[in-house]
Amino acid sequence: MLIHYTDDIKEQISIGKRVVSEKPLIYSDPTIEVIKKHIAKINGEGIISPIDPEVAFYRSIYDYWAYGSDIREEFYYDFFKKNHQEKNEYVTFRNRFWYVDHLNEKKDRVLLDDK
């Protein structure tokens, strides 16, 4: 699936909906429920300005596939208020694995296995 970068919120939501519908093995009902419960919890704690839960859900899906952010990072980094350039500056959860593989030689990993 090709994900293109956009700052248009409606387009992010549309892409998020498409991802959920095209990846039912990843976005099963229990997984969707966990994400939505996390959004409701954050909204209820007043940590951020309340955001529409459906908008937050689909935008967080888009951001995961576009930038590698998980739902916690979505709120922690305040991605809902950032544009593409700003989001792209973060080393997100999923992207950390790319850096680990890219910056560390596989032959040297045994040095860190027991740490």
PDB file of N, CA and C in Angstrom:
ATOM      1  N   MET A   1       0.844  -1.170   0.000  1.00  0.00           N
ATOM      2  CA  MET A   1       0.000   0.000   0.000  1.00  0.00           C
ATOM      3  C   MET A   1       0.897   1.242   0.000  1.00  0.00           C
ATOM      4  N   LEU A   2       0.610   2.151  -0.889  1.00  0.00           N
ATOM      5  CA  LEU A   2       1.368   3.380  -1.003  1.00  0.00           C
ATOM      6  C   LEU A   2       0.712   4.445  -0.140  1.00  0.00           C
ATOM      7  N   ILE A   3       1.490   5.021   0.772  1.00  0.00           N
ATOM      8  CA  ILE A   3       1.011   6.102   1.637  1.00  0.00           C
ATOM      9  C   ILE A   3       1.745   7.370   1.209  1.00  0.00           C
ATOM     10  N   HIS A   4       1.016   8.392   0.857  1.00  0.00           N
ATOM     11  CA  HIS A   4       1.680   9.650   0.525  1.00  0.00           C
ATOM     12  C   HIS A   4       1.505  10.633   1.677  1.00  0.00           C
ATOM     13  N   TYR A   5       2.454  11.531   1.797  1.00  0.00           N
ATOM     14  CA  TYR A   5       2.440  12.510   2.879  1.00  0.00           C
ATOM     15  C   TYR A   5       1.533  13.670   2.515  1.00  0.00           C
ATOM     16  N   THR A   6       0.741  14.087   3.483  1.00  0.00           N
ATOM     17  CA  THR A   6      -0.157  15.210   3.280  1.00  0.00           C
ATOM     18  C   THR A   6      -0.405  15.909   4.608  1.00  0.00           C
ATOM     19  N   ASP A   7      -0.632  17.201   4.545  1.00  0.00           N
ATOM     20  CA  ASP A   7      -1.019  17.961   5.728  1.00  0.00           C
ATOM     21  C   ASP A   7      -2.528  18.173   5.776  1.00  0.00           C
ATOM     22  N   ASP A   8      -3.227  17.700   4.752  1.00  0.00           N
ATOM     23  CA  ASP A   8      -4.677  17.844   4.681  1.00  0.00           C
ATOM     24  C   ASP A   8      -5.333  16.829   5.619  1.00  0.00           C
ATOM     25  N   ILE A   9      -6.026  17.312   6.630  1.00  0.00           N
ATOM     26  CA  ILE A   9      -6.626  16.438   7.647  1.00  0.00           C
ATOM     27  C   ILE A   9      -7.649  15.487   7.044  1.00  0.00           C
ATOM     28  N   LYS A  10      -8.478  15.974   6.138  1.00  0.00           N
ATOM     29  CA  LYS A  10      -9.485  15.104   5.506  1.00  0.00           C
ATOM     30  C   LYS A  10      -8.822  13.979   4.725  1.00  0.00           C
ATOM     31  N   GLU A  11      -7.725  14.288   4.079  1.00  0.00           N
ATOM     32  CA  GLU A  11      -7.003  13.271   3.325  1.00  0.00           C
ATOM     33  C   GLU A  11      -6.337  12.263   4.274  1.00  0.00           C
ATOM     34  N   GLN A  12      -5.807  12.743   5.395  1.00  0.00           N
ATOM     35  CA  GLN A  12      -5.222  11.834   6.393  1.00  0.00           C
ATOM     36  C   GLN A  12      -6.282  10.866   6.911  1.00  0.00           C
ATOM     37  N   ILE A  13      -7.465  11.375   7.198  1.00  0.00           N
ATOM     38  CA  ILE A  13      -8.558  10.530   7.680  1.00  0.00           C
ATOM     39  C   ILE A  13      -8.932   9.506   6.615  1.00  0.00           C
ATOM     40  N   SER A  14      -9.034   9.943   5.380  1.00  0.00           N
ATOM     41  CA  SER A  14      -9.377   9.044   4.283  1.00  0.00           C
ATOM     42  C   SER A  14      -8.333   7.932   4.137  1.00  0.00           C
ATOM     43  N   ILE A  15      -7.077   8.286   4.207  1.00  0.00           N
ATOM     44  CA  ILE A  15      -6.009   7.284   4.109  1.00  0.00           C
ATOM     45  C   ILE A  15      -6.074   6.338   5.303  1.00  0.00           C
ATOM     46  N   GLY A  16      -6.309   6.875   6.503  1.00  0.00           N
ATOM     47  CA  GLY A  16      -6.436   6.041   7.695  1.00  0.00           C
ATOM     48  C   GLY A  16      -7.574   5.033   7.555  1.00  0.00           C
ATOM     49  N   LYS A  17      -8.703   5.475   7.035  1.00  0.00           N
ATOM     50  CA  LYS A  17      -9.853   4.575   6.821  1.00  0.00           C
ATOM     51  C   LYS A  17      -9.502   3.492   5.812  1.00  0.00           C
ATOM     52  N   ARG A  18      -8.806   3.876   4.753  1.00  0.00           N
ATOM     53  CA  ARG A  18      -8.415   2.892   3.739  1.00  0.00           C
ATOM     54  C   ARG A  18      -7.476   1.845   4.314  1.00  0.00           C
ATOM     55  N   VAL A  19      -6.524   2.273   5.127  1.00  0.00           N
ATOM     56  CA  VAL A  19      -5.581   1.330   5.736  1.00  0.00           C
ATOM     57  C   VAL A  19      -6.330   0.338   6.617  1.00  0.00           C
ATOM     58  N   VAL A  20      -7.223   0.826   7.456  1.00  0.00           N
ATOM     59  CA  VAL A  20      -7.988  -0.056   8.350  1.00  0.00           C
ATOM     60  C   VAL A  20      -8.797  -1.063   7.545  1.00  0.00           C
ATOM     61  N   SER A  21      -9.429  -0.606   6.474  1.00  0.00           N
ATOM     62  CA  SER A  21     -10.266  -1.527   5.692  1.00  0.00           C
ATOM     63  C   SER A  21      -9.434  -2.532   4.904  1.00  0.00           C
ATOM     64  N   GLU A  22      -8.220  -2.140   4.491  1.00  0.00           N
ATOM     65  CA  GLU A  22      -7.383  -3.040   3.689  1.00  0.00           C
ATOM     66  C   GLU A  22      -6.503  -3.958   4.532  1.00  0.00           C
ATOM     67  N   LYS A  23      -6.453  -3.723   5.836  1.00  0.00           N
ATOM     68  CA  LYS A  23      -5.596  -4.539   6.700  1.00  0.00           C
ATOM     69  C   LYS A  23      -6.384  -5.085   7.901  1.00  0.00           C
ATOM     70  N   PRO A  24      -7.393  -5.919   7.626  1.00  0.00           N
ATOM     71  CA  PRO A  24      -8.224  -6.430   8.724  1.00  0.00           C
ATOM     72  C   PRO A  24      -7.488  -7.369   9.679  1.00  0.00           C
ATOM     73  N   LEU A  25      -6.410  -7.983   9.238  1.00  0.00           N
ATOM     74  CA  LEU A  25      -5.654  -8.838  10.156  1.00  0.00           C
ATOM     75  C   LEU A  25      -4.875  -8.012  11.175  1.00  0.00           C
ATOM     76  N   ILE A  26      -4.470  -6.829  10.780  1.00  0.00           N
ATOM     77  CA  ILE A  26      -3.779  -5.938  11.715  1.00  0.00           C
ATOM     78  C   ILE A  26      -4.799  -5.182  12.556  1.00  0.00           C
ATOM     79  N   TYR A  27      -5.829  -4.651  11.912  1.00  0.00           N
ATOM     80  CA  TYR A  27      -6.828  -3.858  12.612  1.00  0.00           C
ATOM     81  C   TYR A  27      -8.081  -4.677  12.891  1.00  0.00           C
ATOM     82  N   SER A  28      -7.894  -5.658  13.755  1.00  0.00           N
ATOM     83  CA  SER A  28      -9.014  -6.487  14.206  1.00  0.00           C
ATOM     84  C   SER A  28      -9.839  -5.670  15.207  1.00  0.00           C
ATOM     85  N   ASP A  29     -11.020  -6.140  15.524  1.00  0.00           N
ATOM     86  CA  ASP A  29     -11.870  -5.433  16.478  1.00  0.00           C
ATOM     87  C   ASP A  29     -11.171  -5.203  17.826  1.00  0.00           C
ATOM     88  N   PRO A  30     -10.480  -6.214  18.391  1.00  0.00           N
ATOM     89  CA  PRO A  30      -9.793  -5.964  19.674  1.00  0.00           C
ATOM     90  C   PRO A  30      -8.706  -4.890  19.572  1.00  0.00           C
ATOM     91  N   THR A  31      -7.967  -4.869  18.476  1.00  0.00           N
ATOM     92  CA  THR A  31      -6.918  -3.863  18.299  1.00  0.00           C
ATOM     93  C   THR A  31      -7.524  -2.476  18.183  1.00  0.00           C
ATOM     94  N   ILE A  32      -8.573  -2.358  17.410  1.00  0.00           N
ATOM     95  CA  ILE A  32      -9.258  -1.074  17.255  1.00  0.00           C
ATOM     96  C   ILE A  32      -9.778  -0.600  18.599  1.00  0.00           C
ATOM     97  N   GLU A  33     -10.327  -1.513  19.377  1.00  0.00           N
ATOM     98  CA  GLU A  33     -10.866  -1.160  20.687  1.00  0.00           C
ATOM     99  C   GLU A  33      -9.777  -0.635  21.623  1.00  0.00           C
ATOM    100  N   VAL A  34      -8.611  -1.246  21.611  1.00  0.00           N
ATOM    101  CA  VAL A  34      -7.498  -0.793  22.458  1.00  0.00           C
ATOM    102  C   VAL A  34      -7.085   0.631  22.067  1.00  0.00           C
ATOM    103  N   ILE A  35      -6.954   0.881  20.795  1.00  0.00           N
ATOM    104  CA  ILE A  35      -6.560   2.214  20.334  1.00  0.00           C
ATOM    105  C   ILE A  35      -7.612   3.249  20.733  1.00  0.00           C
ATOM    106  N   LYS A  36      -8.879   2.920  20.523  1.00  0.00           N
ATOM    107  CA  LYS A  36      -9.949   3.863  20.845  1.00  0.00           C
ATOM    108  C   LYS A  36     -10.060   4.101  22.354  1.00  0.00           C
ATOM    109  N   LYS A  37      -9.800   3.086  23.157  1.00  0.00           N
ATOM    110  CA  LYS A  37      -9.810   3.268  24.622  1.00  0.00           C
ATOM    111  C   LYS A  37      -8.683   4.196  25.056  1.00  0.00           C
ATOM    112  N   HIS A  38      -7.534   4.067  24.425  1.00  0.00           N
ATOM    113  CA  HIS A  38      -6.411   4.943  24.755  1.00  0.00           C
ATOM    114  C   HIS A  38      -6.751   6.396  24.396  1.00  0.00           C
ATOM    115  N   ILE A  39      -7.352   6.599  23.246  1.00  0.00           N
ATOM    116  CA  ILE A  39      -7.758   7.941  22.833  1.00  0.00           C
ATOM    117  C   ILE A  39      -8.764   8.515  23.826  1.00  0.00           C
ATOM    118  N   ALA A  40      -9.747   7.718  24.228  1.00  0.00           N
ATOM    119  CA  ALA A  40     -10.758   8.180  25.186  1.00  0.00           C
ATOM    120  C   ALA A  40     -10.128   8.531  26.530  1.00  0.00           C
ATOM    121  N   LYS A  41      -9.165   7.719  26.957  1.00  0.00           N
ATOM    122  CA  LYS A  41      -8.496   7.970  28.234  1.00  0.00           C
ATOM    123  C   LYS A  41      -7.742   9.300  28.195  1.00  0.00           C
ATOM    124  N   ILE A  42      -6.983   9.526  27.145  1.00  0.00           N
ATOM    125  CA  ILE A  42      -6.229  10.767  27.012  1.00  0.00           C
ATOM    126  C   ILE A  42      -7.173  11.964  26.924  1.00  0.00           C
ATOM    127  N   ASN A  43      -8.235  11.838  26.138  1.00  0.00           N
ATOM    128  CA  ASN A  43      -9.217  12.919  26.034  1.00  0.00           C
ATOM    129  C   ASN A  43      -9.845  13.219  27.383  1.00  0.00           C
ATOM    130  N   GLY A  44     -10.146  12.178  28.158  1.00  0.00           N
ATOM    131  CA  GLY A  44     -10.796  12.340  29.456  1.00  0.00           C
ATOM    132  C   GLY A  44      -9.903  12.921  30.530  1.00  0.00           C
ATOM    133  N   GLU A  45      -8.600  12.769  30.389  1.00  0.00           N
ATOM    134  CA  GLU A  45      -7.670  13.276  31.399  1.00  0.00           C
ATOM    135  C   GLU A  45      -7.350  14.748  31.200  1.00  0.00           C
ATOM    136  N   GLY A  46      -7.797  15.320  30.100  1.00  0.00           N
ATOM    137  CA  GLY A  46      -7.542  16.730  29.858  1.00  0.00           C
ATOM    138  C   GLY A  46      -6.086  17.044  29.568  1.00  0.00           C
ATOM    139  N   ILE A  47      -5.313  16.026  29.174  1.00  0.00           N
ATOM    140  CA  ILE A  47      -3.900  16.226  28.879  1.00  0.00           C
ATOM    141  C   ILE A  47      -3.755  17.084  27.617  1.00  0.00           C
ATOM    142  N   ILE A  48      -4.647  16.883  26.701  1.00  0.00           N
ATOM    143  CA  ILE A  48      -4.644  17.669  25.460  1.00  0.00           C
ATOM    144  C   ILE A  48      -6.004  18.320  25.309  1.00  0.00           C
ATOM    145  N   SER A  49      -6.107  19.236  24.375  1.00  0.00           N
ATOM    146  CA  SER A  49      -7.429  19.740  24.045  1.00  0.00           C
ATOM    147  C   SER A  49      -8.205  18.575  23.470  1.00  0.00           C
ATOM    148  N   PRO A  50      -9.443  18.413  23.882  1.00  0.00           N
ATOM    149  CA  PRO A  50     -10.208  17.273  23.361  1.00  0.00           C
ATOM    150  C   PRO A  50     -10.231  17.269  21.841  1.00  0.00           C
ATOM    151  N   ILE A  51     -10.069  16.086  21.300  1.00  0.00           N
ATOM    152  CA  ILE A  51     -10.104  15.894  19.849  1.00  0.00           C
ATOM    153  C   ILE A  51     -11.168  14.846  19.566  1.00  0.00           C
ATOM    154  N   ASP A  52     -11.872  15.006  18.472  1.00  0.00           N
ATOM    155  CA  ASP A  52     -12.901  14.040  18.104  1.00  0.00           C
ATOM    156  C   ASP A  52     -12.269  12.656  18.040  1.00  0.00           C
ATOM    157  N   PRO A  53     -12.801  11.673  18.786  1.00  0.00           N
ATOM    158  CA  PRO A  53     -12.192  10.340  18.843  1.00  0.00           C
ATOM    159  C   PRO A  53     -12.045   9.654  17.488  1.00  0.00           C
ATOM    160  N   GLU A  54     -13.021   9.814  16.610  1.00  0.00           N
ATOM    161  CA  GLU A  54     -12.922   9.182  15.281  1.00  0.00           C
ATOM    162  C   GLU A  54     -11.820   9.837  14.454  1.00  0.00           C
ATOM    163  N   VAL A  55     -11.736  11.149  14.526  1.00  0.00           N
ATOM    164  CA  VAL A  55     -10.678  11.874  13.816  1.00  0.00           C
ATOM    165  C   VAL A  55      -9.319  11.442  14.359  1.00  0.00           C
ATOM    166  N   ALA A  56      -9.203  11.399  15.675  1.00  0.00           N
ATOM    167  CA  ALA A  56      -7.936  10.991  16.308  1.00  0.00           C
ATOM    168  C   ALA A  56      -7.563   9.570  15.897  1.00  0.00           C
ATOM    169  N   PHE A  57      -8.537   8.675  15.857  1.00  0.00           N
ATOM    170  CA  PHE A  57      -8.266   7.283  15.498  1.00  0.00           C
ATOM    171  C   PHE A  57      -7.682   7.185  14.091  1.00  0.00           C
ATOM    172  N   TYR A  58      -8.367   7.752  13.111  1.00  0.00           N
ATOM    173  CA  TYR A  58      -7.913   7.604  11.725  1.00  0.00           C
ATOM    174  C   TYR A  58      -6.638   8.405  11.440  1.00  0.00           C
ATOM    175  N   ARG A  59      -6.493   9.541  12.085  1.00  0.00           N
ATOM    176  CA  ARG A  59      -5.244  10.290  11.899  1.00  0.00           C
ATOM    177  C   ARG A  59      -4.073   9.552  12.534  1.00  0.00           C
ATOM    178  N   SER A  60      -4.308   8.882  13.651  1.00  0.00           N
ATOM    179  CA  SER A  60      -3.224   8.117  14.281  1.00  0.00           C
ATOM    180  C   SER A  60      -2.828   6.920  13.415  1.00  0.00           C
ATOM    181  N   ILE A  61      -3.788   6.327  12.730  1.00  0.00           N
ATOM    182  CA  ILE A  61      -3.476   5.232  11.795  1.00  0.00           C
ATOM    183  C   ILE A  61      -2.623   5.771  10.649  1.00  0.00           C
ATOM    184  N   TYR A  62      -3.040   6.901  10.097  1.00  0.00           N
ATOM    185  CA  TYR A  62      -2.259   7.520   9.025  1.00  0.00           C
ATOM    186  C   TYR A  62      -0.830   7.810   9.502  1.00  0.00           C
ATOM    187  N   ASP A  63      -0.699   8.429  10.667  1.00  0.00           N
ATOM    188  CA  ASP A  63       0.632   8.784  11.175  1.00  0.00           C
ATOM    189  C   ASP A  63       1.493   7.558  11.449  1.00  0.00           C
ATOM    190  N   TYR A  64       0.864   6.471  11.873  1.00  0.00           N
ATOM    191  CA  TYR A  64       1.644   5.246  12.088  1.00  0.00           C
ATOM    192  C   TYR A  64       2.277   4.777  10.782  1.00  0.00           C
ATOM    193  N   TRP A  65       1.479   4.738   9.728  1.00  0.00           N
ATOM    194  CA  TRP A  65       1.976   4.233   8.455  1.00  0.00           C
ATOM    195  C   TRP A  65       2.862   5.248   7.738  1.00  0.00           C
ATOM    196  N   ALA A  66       2.640   6.525   7.966  1.00  0.00           N
ATOM    197  CA  ALA A  66       3.451   7.547   7.300  1.00  0.00           C
ATOM    198  C   ALA A  66       4.740   7.851   8.063  1.00  0.00           C
ATOM    199  N   TYR A  67       4.672   7.854   9.414  1.00  0.00           N
ATOM    200  CA  TYR A  67       5.823   8.297  10.210  1.00  0.00           C
ATOM    201  C   TYR A  67       6.320   7.268  11.223  1.00  0.00           C
ATOM    202  N   GLY A  68       5.553   6.222  11.423  1.00  0.00           N
ATOM    203  CA  GLY A  68       5.978   5.186  12.359  1.00  0.00           C
ATOM    204  C   GLY A  68       5.629   5.461  13.809  1.00  0.00           C
ATOM    205  N   SER A  69       4.737   6.400  14.071  1.00  0.00           N
ATOM    206  CA  SER A  69       4.392   6.728  15.455  1.00  0.00           C
ATOM    207  C   SER A  69       3.317   5.783  15.982  1.00  0.00           C
ATOM    208  N   ASP A  70       3.473   5.362  17.232  1.00  0.00           N
ATOM    209  CA  ASP A  70       2.402   4.566  17.839  1.00  0.00           C
ATOM    210  C   ASP A  70       1.421   5.524  18.526  1.00  0.00           C
ATOM    211  N   ILE A  71       0.358   4.992  19.073  1.00  0.00           N
ATOM    212  CA  ILE A  71      -0.710   5.842  19.610  1.00  0.00           C
ATOM    213  C   ILE A  71      -0.214   6.684  20.782  1.00  0.00           C
ATOM    214  N   ARG A  72       0.698   6.171  21.584  1.00  0.00           N
ATOM    215  CA  ARG A  72       1.235   6.965  22.698  1.00  0.00           C
ATOM    216  C   ARG A  72       2.029   8.157  22.184  1.00  0.00           C
ATOM    217  N   GLU A  73       2.856   7.919  21.172  1.00  0.00           N
ATOM    218  CA  GLU A  73       3.660   9.001  20.603  1.00  0.00           C
ATOM    219  C   GLU A  73       2.786  10.055  19.939  1.00  0.00           C
ATOM    220  N   GLU A  74       1.674   9.624  19.402  1.00  0.00           N
ATOM    221  CA  GLU A  74       0.746  10.543  18.747  1.00  0.00           C
ATOM    222  C   GLU A  74       0.378  11.682  19.697  1.00  0.00           C
ATOM    223  N   PHE A  75       0.123  11.332  20.956  1.00  0.00           N
ATOM    224  CA  PHE A  75      -0.237  12.336  21.953  1.00  0.00           C
ATOM    225  C   PHE A  75       1.002  12.957  22.597  1.00  0.00           C
ATOM    226  N   TYR A  76       1.993  12.152  22.884  1.00  0.00           N
ATOM    227  CA  TYR A  76       3.200  12.639  23.551  1.00  0.00           C
ATOM    228  C   TYR A  76       3.912  13.698  22.712  1.00  0.00           C
ATOM    229  N   TYR A  77       4.024  13.460  21.418  1.00  0.00           N
ATOM    230  CA  TYR A  77       4.675  14.410  20.516  1.00  0.00           C
ATOM    231  C   TYR A  77       3.698  15.445  19.953  1.00  0.00           C
ATOM    232  N   ASP A  78       2.421  15.330  20.323  1.00  0.00           N
ATOM    233  CA  ASP A  78       1.393  16.263  19.877  1.00  0.00           C
ATOM    234  C   ASP A  78       1.299  16.311  18.345  1.00  0.00           C
ATOM    235  N   PHE A  79       1.344  15.129  17.738  1.00  0.00           N
ATOM    236  CA  PHE A  79       1.325  15.036  16.279  1.00  0.00           C
ATOM    237  C   PHE A  79       0.073  15.652  15.656  1.00  0.00           C
ATOM    238  N   PHE A  80      -1.028  15.706  16.404  1.00  0.00           N
ATOM    239  CA  PHE A  80      -2.257  16.260  15.831  1.00  0.00           C
ATOM    240  C   PHE A  80      -2.088  17.729  15.456  1.00  0.00           C
ATOM    241  N   LYS A  81      -1.100  18.398  16.055  1.00  0.00           N
ATOM    242  CA  LYS A  81      -0.881  19.830  15.784  1.00  0.00           C
ATOM    243  C   LYS A  81       0.328  20.085  14.885  1.00  0.00           C
ATOM    244  N   LYS A  82       0.956  19.027  14.385  1.00  0.00           N
ATOM    245  CA  LYS A  82       2.180  19.191  13.607  1.00  0.00           C
ATOM    246  C   LYS A  82       1.940  18.909  12.125  1.00  0.00           C
ATOM    247  N   ASN A  83       2.745  19.564  11.294  1.00  0.00           N
ATOM    248  CA  ASN A  83       2.669  19.316   9.863  1.00  0.00           C
ATOM    249  C   ASN A  83       3.684  18.239   9.478  1.00  0.00           C
ATOM    250  N   HIS A  84       3.723  17.921   8.182  1.00  0.00           N
ATOM    251  CA  HIS A  84       4.601  16.852   7.698  1.00  0.00           C
ATOM    252  C   HIS A  84       6.061  17.097   8.079  1.00  0.00           C
ATOM    253  N   GLN A  85       6.539  18.287   7.829  1.00  0.00           N
ATOM    254  CA  GLN A  85       7.945  18.584   8.111  1.00  0.00           C
ATOM    255  C   GLN A  85       8.263  18.404   9.591  1.00  0.00           C
ATOM    256  N   GLU A  86       7.388  18.852  10.460  1.00  0.00           N
ATOM    257  CA  GLU A  86       7.612  18.730  11.907  1.00  0.00           C
ATOM    258  C   GLU A  86       7.563  17.267  12.348  1.00  0.00           C
ATOM    259  N   LYS A  87       6.605  16.509  11.848  1.00  0.00           N
ATOM    260  CA  LYS A  87       6.490  15.095  12.219  1.00  0.00           C
ATOM    261  C   LYS A  87       7.702  14.305  11.755  1.00  0.00           C
ATOM    262  N   ASN A  88       8.218  14.693  10.620  1.00  0.00           N
ATOM    263  CA  ASN A  88       9.333  13.965  10.024  1.00  0.00           C
ATOM    264  C   ASN A  88      10.638  14.135  10.811  1.00  0.00           C
ATOM    265  N   GLU A  89      10.688  15.070  11.744  1.00  0.00           N
ATOM    266  CA  GLU A  89      11.880  15.307  12.551  1.00  0.00           C
ATOM    267  C   GLU A  89      12.018  14.325  13.711  1.00  0.00           C
ATOM    268  N   TYR A  90      10.981  13.576  14.025  1.00  0.00           N
ATOM    269  CA  TYR A  90      10.985  12.677  15.179  1.00  0.00           C
ATOM    270  C   TYR A  90      11.485  11.286  14.807  1.00  0.00           C
ATOM    271  N   VAL A  91      12.211  10.687  15.727  1.00  0.00           N
ATOM    272  CA  VAL A  91      12.569   9.282  15.593  1.00  0.00           C
ATOM    273  C   VAL A  91      11.494   8.534  16.378  1.00  0.00           C
ATOM    274  N   THR A  92      10.548   7.975  15.654  1.00  0.00           N
ATOM    275  CA  THR A  92       9.408   7.319  16.288  1.00  0.00           C
ATOM    276  C   THR A  92       9.718   5.851  16.590  1.00  0.00           C
ATOM    277  N   PHE A  93       8.820   5.233  17.312  1.00  0.00           N
ATOM    278  CA  PHE A  93       8.992   3.852  17.760  1.00  0.00           C
ATOM    279  C   PHE A  93       9.401   2.931  16.621  1.00  0.00           C
ATOM    280  N   ARG A  94       8.626   2.919  15.556  1.00  0.00           N
ATOM    281  CA  ARG A  94       8.900   2.001  14.453  1.00  0.00           C
ATOM    282  C   ARG A  94      10.196   2.364  13.722  1.00  0.00           C
ATOM    283  N   ASN A  95      10.460   3.637  13.585  1.00  0.00           N
ATOM    284  CA  ASN A  95      11.652   4.060  12.860  1.00  0.00           C
ATOM    285  C   ASN A  95      12.944   3.783  13.621  1.00  0.00           C
ATOM    286  N   ARG A  96      12.859   3.641  14.932  1.00  0.00           N
ATOM    287  CA  ARG A  96      14.062   3.306  15.715  1.00  0.00           C
ATOM    288  C   ARG A  96      14.672   1.996  15.249  1.00  0.00           C
ATOM    289  N   PHE A  97      13.846   1.045  14.862  1.00  0.00           N
ATOM    290  CA  PHE A  97      14.358  -0.245  14.414  1.00  0.00           C
ATOM    291  C   PHE A  97      15.186  -0.104  13.140  1.00  0.00           C
ATOM    292  N   TRP A  98      14.754   0.800  12.255  1.00  0.00           N
ATOM    293  CA  TRP A  98      15.515   1.038  11.034  1.00  0.00           C
ATOM    294  C   TRP A  98      16.895   1.581  11.387  1.00  0.00           C
ATOM    295  N   TYR A  99      16.960   2.535  12.315  1.00  0.00           N
ATOM    296  CA  TYR A  99      18.244   3.112  12.711  1.00  0.00           C
ATOM    297  C   TYR A  99      19.142   2.075  13.372  1.00  0.00           C
ATOM    298  N   VAL A 100      18.576   1.239  14.225  1.00  0.00           N
ATOM    299  CA  VAL A 100      19.373   0.194  14.872  1.00  0.00           C
ATOM    300  C   VAL A 100      19.995  -0.714  13.825  1.00  0.00           C
ATOM    301  N   ASP A 101      19.190  -1.157  12.873  1.00  0.00           N
ATOM    302  CA  ASP A 101      19.712  -2.036  11.819  1.00  0.00           C
ATOM    303  C   ASP A 101      20.721  -1.316  10.936  1.00  0.00           C
ATOM    304  N   HIS A 102      20.473  -0.078  10.659  1.00  0.00           N
ATOM    305  CA  HIS A 102      21.333   0.666   9.745  1.00  0.00           C
ATOM    306  C   HIS A 102      22.674   1.062  10.397  1.00  0.00           C
ATOM    307  N   LEU A 103      22.639   1.395  11.676  1.00  0.00           N
ATOM    308  CA  LEU A 103      23.835   1.925  12.330  1.00  0.00           C
ATOM    309  C   LEU A 103      24.683   0.876  13.047  1.00  0.00           C
ATOM    310  N   ASN A 104      24.157  -0.307  13.225  1.00  0.00           N
ATOM    311  CA  ASN A 104      24.883  -1.339  13.953  1.00  0.00           C
ATOM    312  C   ASN A 104      25.137  -2.541  13.053  1.00  0.00           C
ATOM    313  N   GLU A 105      26.350  -2.956  13.028  1.00  0.00           N
ATOM    314  CA  GLU A 105      26.696  -4.120  12.220  1.00  0.00           C
ATOM    315  C   GLU A 105      26.191  -5.385  12.904  1.00  0.00           C
ATOM    316  N   LYS A 106      25.603  -6.270  12.125  1.00  0.00           N
ATOM    317  CA  LYS A 106      25.037  -7.502  12.679  1.00  0.00           C
ATOM    318  C   LYS A 106      26.089  -8.352  13.384  1.00  0.00           C
ATOM    319  N   LYS A 107      27.298  -8.355  12.877  1.00  0.00           N
ATOM    320  CA  LYS A 107      28.359  -9.180  13.478  1.00  0.00           C
ATOM    321  C   LYS A 107      28.727  -8.688  14.876  1.00  0.00           C
ATOM    322  N   ASP A 108      28.452  -7.424  15.182  1.00  0.00           N
ATOM    323  CA  ASP A 108      28.803  -6.860  16.486  1.00  0.00           C
ATOM    324  C   ASP A 108      27.674  -6.960  17.512  1.00  0.00           C
ATOM    325  N   ARG A 109      26.523  -7.410  17.109  1.00  0.00           N
ATOM    326  CA  ARG A 109      25.381  -7.446  18.037  1.00  0.00           C
ATOM    327  C   ARG A 109      25.601  -8.391  19.210  1.00  0.00           C
ATOM    328  N   VAL A 110      26.424  -9.405  19.044  1.00  0.00           N
ATOM    329  CA  VAL A 110      26.656 -10.330  20.156  1.00  0.00           C
ATOM    330  C   VAL A 110      27.238  -9.606  21.355  1.00  0.00           C
ATOM    331  N   LEU A 111      27.879  -8.476  21.147  1.00  0.00           N
ATOM    332  CA  LEU A 111      28.440  -7.704  22.258  1.00  0.00           C
ATOM    333  C   LEU A 111      27.363  -7.128  23.164  1.00  0.00           C
ATOM    334  N   LEU A 112      26.175  -6.941  22.624  1.00  0.00           N
ATOM    335  CA  LEU A 112      25.092  -6.338  23.400  1.00  0.00           C
ATOM    336  C   LEU A 112      24.001  -7.330  23.785  1.00  0.00           C
ATOM    337  N   ASP A 113      24.101  -8.554  23.340  1.00  0.00           N
ATOM    338  CA  ASP A 113      23.040  -9.531  23.603  1.00  0.00           C
ATOM    339  C   ASP A 113      22.829  -9.792  25.087  1.00  0.00           C
ATOM    340  N   ASP A 114      23.859  -9.728  25.894  1.00  0.00           N
ATOM    341  CA  ASP A 114      23.705 -10.052  27.315  1.00  0.00           C
ATOM    342  C   ASP A 114      23.525  -8.818  28.195  1.00  0.00           C
ATOM    343  N   LYS A 115      23.221  -7.691  27.629  1.00  0.00           N
ATOM    344  CA  LYS A 115      23.081  -6.447  28.396  1.00  0.00           C
ATOM    345  C   LYS A 115      21.662  -6.239  28.845  1.00  0.00           C
TER     346      LYS A 115
END
